[in-house]
């Protein structure tokens, strides 16, 4: 689940900084996760600030544009 407020999005376990959520657990689906990221999250303005559910990255926030360009899990899959 993600929560959006104009200019900001809390991406929970869907999109991390240069990472994505797990799909290897029961009910997980890589195609569904990728579809959600590329068709929904990546349709937001590039300057939208991302607050992920966990701070697994080298910085606490990112932007949609940065993730389109630098996230190796969705490289080349942006809208």
N, C-alpha and C. Protein backbone atom coordinates (compact mmCIF):
# COMPACT_ATOMS: atom_id res chain seq x y z
N UNK A 1 0.84 -1.17 0.00
CA UNK A 1 0.00 0.00 0.00
C UNK A 1 0.89 1.24 0.00
N UNK A 2 0.53 2.21 -0.79
CA UNK A 2 1.23 3.48 -0.84
C UNK A 2 0.24 4.60 -0.51
N UNK A 3 0.74 5.63 0.13
CA UNK A 3 -0.09 6.79 0.47
C UNK A 3 0.49 8.02 -0.21
N UNK A 4 -0.36 8.72 -0.97
CA UNK A 4 0.09 9.87 -1.75
C UNK A 4 -0.55 11.15 -1.24
N UNK A 5 0.26 12.17 -1.09
CA UNK A 5 -0.19 13.54 -0.84
C UNK A 5 0.59 14.39 -1.82
N UNK A 6 -0.02 15.33 -2.46
CA UNK A 6 0.60 16.07 -3.55
C UNK A 6 2.07 16.39 -3.29
N UNK A 7 2.92 15.83 -4.14
CA UNK A 7 4.36 16.06 -4.04
C UNK A 7 5.12 15.05 -3.19
N UNK A 8 4.39 14.17 -2.50
CA UNK A 8 5.01 13.20 -1.60
C UNK A 8 4.29 11.86 -1.69
N UNK A 9 5.06 10.77 -1.55
CA UNK A 9 4.43 9.46 -1.49
C UNK A 9 5.18 8.57 -0.50
N UNK A 10 4.41 7.92 0.35
CA UNK A 10 4.94 6.91 1.26
C UNK A 10 4.76 5.58 0.55
N UNK A 11 5.86 4.97 0.15
CA UNK A 11 5.79 3.78 -0.70
C UNK A 11 5.79 2.47 0.07
N UNK A 12 5.87 2.51 1.38
CA UNK A 12 5.79 1.29 2.16
C UNK A 12 6.80 0.26 1.71
N UNK A 13 6.33 -0.98 1.50
CA UNK A 13 7.21 -2.06 1.06
C UNK A 13 7.15 -2.28 -0.45
N UNK A 14 6.61 -1.31 -1.18
CA UNK A 14 6.54 -1.43 -2.64
C UNK A 14 7.83 -0.99 -3.30
N UNK A 15 8.26 0.22 -2.99
CA UNK A 15 9.44 0.80 -3.64
C UNK A 15 10.38 1.36 -2.58
N UNK A 16 11.61 0.89 -2.60
CA UNK A 16 12.65 1.39 -1.72
C UNK A 16 13.59 2.27 -2.53
N UNK A 17 14.58 2.85 -1.88
CA UNK A 17 15.59 3.63 -2.58
C UNK A 17 16.52 2.65 -3.28
N UNK A 18 16.43 2.66 -4.60
CA UNK A 18 17.19 1.74 -5.46
C UNK A 18 16.93 0.29 -5.09
N UNK A 19 15.70 0.00 -4.72
CA UNK A 19 15.29 -1.35 -4.39
C UNK A 19 13.78 -1.48 -4.49
N UNK A 20 13.28 -2.70 -4.30
CA UNK A 20 11.85 -2.96 -4.33
C UNK A 20 11.52 -3.96 -3.23
N UNK A 21 10.23 -4.12 -2.96
CA UNK A 21 9.78 -5.07 -1.95
C UNK A 21 9.98 -6.51 -2.40
N UNK A 22 9.87 -7.41 -1.43
CA UNK A 22 10.04 -8.84 -1.70
C UNK A 22 8.80 -9.41 -2.37
N UNK A 23 9.02 -10.39 -3.22
CA UNK A 23 7.90 -11.08 -3.86
C UNK A 23 8.02 -12.59 -3.68
N UNK A 24 8.97 -13.04 -2.87
CA UNK A 24 9.19 -14.47 -2.69
C UNK A 24 8.37 -15.06 -1.55
N UNK A 25 7.57 -14.26 -0.88
CA UNK A 25 6.73 -14.74 0.21
C UNK A 25 5.35 -15.12 -0.33
N UNK A 26 4.59 -15.92 0.43
CA UNK A 26 3.25 -16.30 -0.05
C UNK A 26 2.42 -15.07 -0.44
N UNK A 27 1.80 -15.15 -1.60
CA UNK A 27 0.99 -14.04 -2.10
C UNK A 27 1.77 -13.02 -2.90
N UNK A 28 3.08 -13.13 -2.91
CA UNK A 28 3.92 -12.19 -3.64
C UNK A 28 3.89 -12.45 -5.13
N UNK A 29 4.03 -11.39 -5.92
CA UNK A 29 4.02 -11.53 -7.38
C UNK A 29 4.92 -10.47 -7.99
N UNK A 30 6.00 -10.89 -8.60
CA UNK A 30 6.90 -9.95 -9.27
C UNK A 30 6.17 -9.19 -10.39
N UNK A 31 5.40 -9.85 -11.26
CA UNK A 31 4.70 -9.09 -12.31
C UNK A 31 3.76 -8.02 -11.74
N UNK A 32 3.05 -8.34 -10.68
CA UNK A 32 2.13 -7.35 -10.09
C UNK A 32 2.89 -6.20 -9.44
N UNK A 33 3.98 -6.51 -8.76
CA UNK A 33 4.78 -5.45 -8.13
C UNK A 33 5.36 -4.52 -9.20
N UNK A 34 5.96 -5.10 -10.22
CA UNK A 34 6.54 -4.31 -11.30
C UNK A 34 5.48 -3.46 -11.99
N UNK A 35 4.30 -4.03 -12.21
CA UNK A 35 3.20 -3.29 -12.84
C UNK A 35 2.79 -2.10 -11.96
N UNK A 36 2.69 -2.32 -10.65
CA UNK A 36 2.32 -1.23 -9.74
C UNK A 36 3.34 -0.10 -9.76
N UNK A 37 4.61 -0.48 -9.77
CA UNK A 37 5.68 0.53 -9.77
C UNK A 37 5.69 1.30 -11.08
N UNK A 38 5.68 0.58 -12.19
CA UNK A 38 5.86 1.25 -13.48
C UNK A 38 4.61 1.97 -13.96
N UNK A 39 3.43 1.41 -13.70
CA UNK A 39 2.20 2.03 -14.22
C UNK A 39 1.58 3.02 -13.25
N UNK A 40 1.78 2.83 -11.97
CA UNK A 40 1.16 3.73 -10.99
C UNK A 40 2.18 4.71 -10.41
N UNK A 41 3.21 4.20 -9.74
CA UNK A 41 4.16 5.10 -9.10
C UNK A 41 4.93 5.93 -10.13
N UNK A 42 5.39 5.31 -11.20
CA UNK A 42 6.19 6.03 -12.19
C UNK A 42 5.35 6.96 -13.07
N UNK A 43 4.04 6.96 -12.88
CA UNK A 43 3.21 7.93 -13.59
C UNK A 43 3.11 9.25 -12.82
N UNK A 44 3.61 9.26 -11.59
CA UNK A 44 3.64 10.49 -10.79
C UNK A 44 4.73 11.42 -11.31
N UNK A 45 4.65 12.71 -11.00
CA UNK A 45 5.71 13.64 -11.43
C UNK A 45 7.09 13.21 -10.91
N UNK A 46 8.11 13.40 -11.73
CA UNK A 46 9.47 13.00 -11.37
C UNK A 46 9.95 13.61 -10.06
N UNK A 47 9.47 14.80 -9.72
CA UNK A 47 9.94 15.46 -8.50
C UNK A 47 9.22 14.98 -7.24
N UNK A 48 8.27 14.06 -7.36
CA UNK A 48 7.56 13.51 -6.19
C UNK A 48 8.56 12.85 -5.25
N UNK A 49 8.55 13.24 -3.99
CA UNK A 49 9.48 12.71 -2.99
C UNK A 49 8.95 11.38 -2.46
N UNK A 50 9.84 10.40 -2.42
CA UNK A 50 9.51 9.06 -1.94
C UNK A 50 10.01 8.89 -0.51
N UNK A 51 9.11 8.41 0.34
CA UNK A 51 9.46 7.99 1.69
C UNK A 51 9.20 6.49 1.77
N UNK A 52 10.25 5.66 1.68
CA UNK A 52 10.04 4.21 1.70
C UNK A 52 9.70 3.69 3.10
N UNK A 53 9.17 2.48 3.13
CA UNK A 53 8.80 1.87 4.40
C UNK A 53 9.98 1.50 5.27
N UNK A 54 11.15 1.33 4.67
CA UNK A 54 12.37 1.00 5.39
C UNK A 54 13.50 1.83 4.83
N UNK A 55 14.44 2.18 5.66
CA UNK A 55 15.61 2.94 5.21
C UNK A 55 16.74 1.98 4.88
N UNK A 56 16.60 1.28 3.75
CA UNK A 56 17.62 0.35 3.31
C UNK A 56 18.67 1.02 2.44
N UNK A 57 18.43 2.23 2.04
CA UNK A 57 19.33 2.91 1.12
C UNK A 57 20.38 3.74 1.84
N UNK A 58 21.16 4.42 1.07
CA UNK A 58 22.23 5.27 1.61
C UNK A 58 21.71 6.65 1.97
N UNK A 59 20.43 6.90 1.73
CA UNK A 59 19.78 8.17 2.11
C UNK A 59 18.32 7.85 2.46
N UNK A 60 17.67 8.68 3.24
CA UNK A 60 16.32 8.33 3.71
C UNK A 60 15.19 8.57 2.71
N UNK A 61 15.39 9.41 1.70
CA UNK A 61 14.34 9.69 0.72
C UNK A 61 14.93 9.66 -0.69
N UNK A 62 14.04 9.64 -1.66
CA UNK A 62 14.43 9.69 -3.06
C UNK A 62 13.31 10.43 -3.80
N UNK A 63 13.34 10.40 -5.11
CA UNK A 63 12.26 10.95 -5.91
C UNK A 63 11.87 9.92 -6.97
N UNK A 64 10.69 10.10 -7.52
CA UNK A 64 10.26 9.21 -8.60
C UNK A 64 11.26 9.26 -9.76
N UNK A 65 11.71 10.44 -10.13
CA UNK A 65 12.67 10.58 -11.22
C UNK A 65 13.98 9.86 -10.94
N UNK A 66 14.49 9.98 -9.71
CA UNK A 66 15.73 9.28 -9.35
C UNK A 66 15.55 7.77 -9.46
N UNK A 67 14.40 7.26 -9.02
CA UNK A 67 14.17 5.82 -9.08
C UNK A 67 14.01 5.33 -10.52
N UNK A 68 13.38 6.12 -11.36
CA UNK A 68 13.29 5.76 -12.78
C UNK A 68 14.67 5.60 -13.39
N UNK A 69 15.58 6.49 -13.01
CA UNK A 69 16.92 6.49 -13.59
C UNK A 69 17.88 5.51 -12.91
N UNK A 70 17.73 5.26 -11.61
CA UNK A 70 18.77 4.57 -10.86
C UNK A 70 18.37 3.26 -10.19
N UNK A 71 17.12 2.89 -10.22
CA UNK A 71 16.71 1.68 -9.53
C UNK A 71 16.98 0.47 -10.44
N UNK A 72 17.96 -0.38 -10.07
CA UNK A 72 18.32 -1.49 -10.96
C UNK A 72 17.22 -2.54 -11.12
N UNK A 73 16.27 -2.60 -10.22
CA UNK A 73 15.20 -3.59 -10.32
C UNK A 73 14.16 -3.23 -11.36
N UNK A 74 14.06 -1.96 -11.71
CA UNK A 74 13.06 -1.53 -12.68
C UNK A 74 13.69 -0.78 -13.85
N UNK A 75 14.98 -0.97 -14.02
CA UNK A 75 15.73 -0.30 -15.08
C UNK A 75 15.09 -0.54 -16.44
N UNK A 76 14.80 0.53 -17.14
CA UNK A 76 14.22 0.44 -18.48
C UNK A 76 12.73 0.13 -18.50
N UNK A 77 12.11 0.07 -17.31
CA UNK A 77 10.69 -0.28 -17.25
C UNK A 77 9.80 0.91 -16.96
N UNK A 78 10.37 2.12 -16.96
CA UNK A 78 9.56 3.30 -16.62
C UNK A 78 8.56 3.60 -17.72
N UNK A 79 7.52 4.36 -17.32
CA UNK A 79 6.46 4.67 -18.27
C UNK A 79 6.84 5.81 -19.19
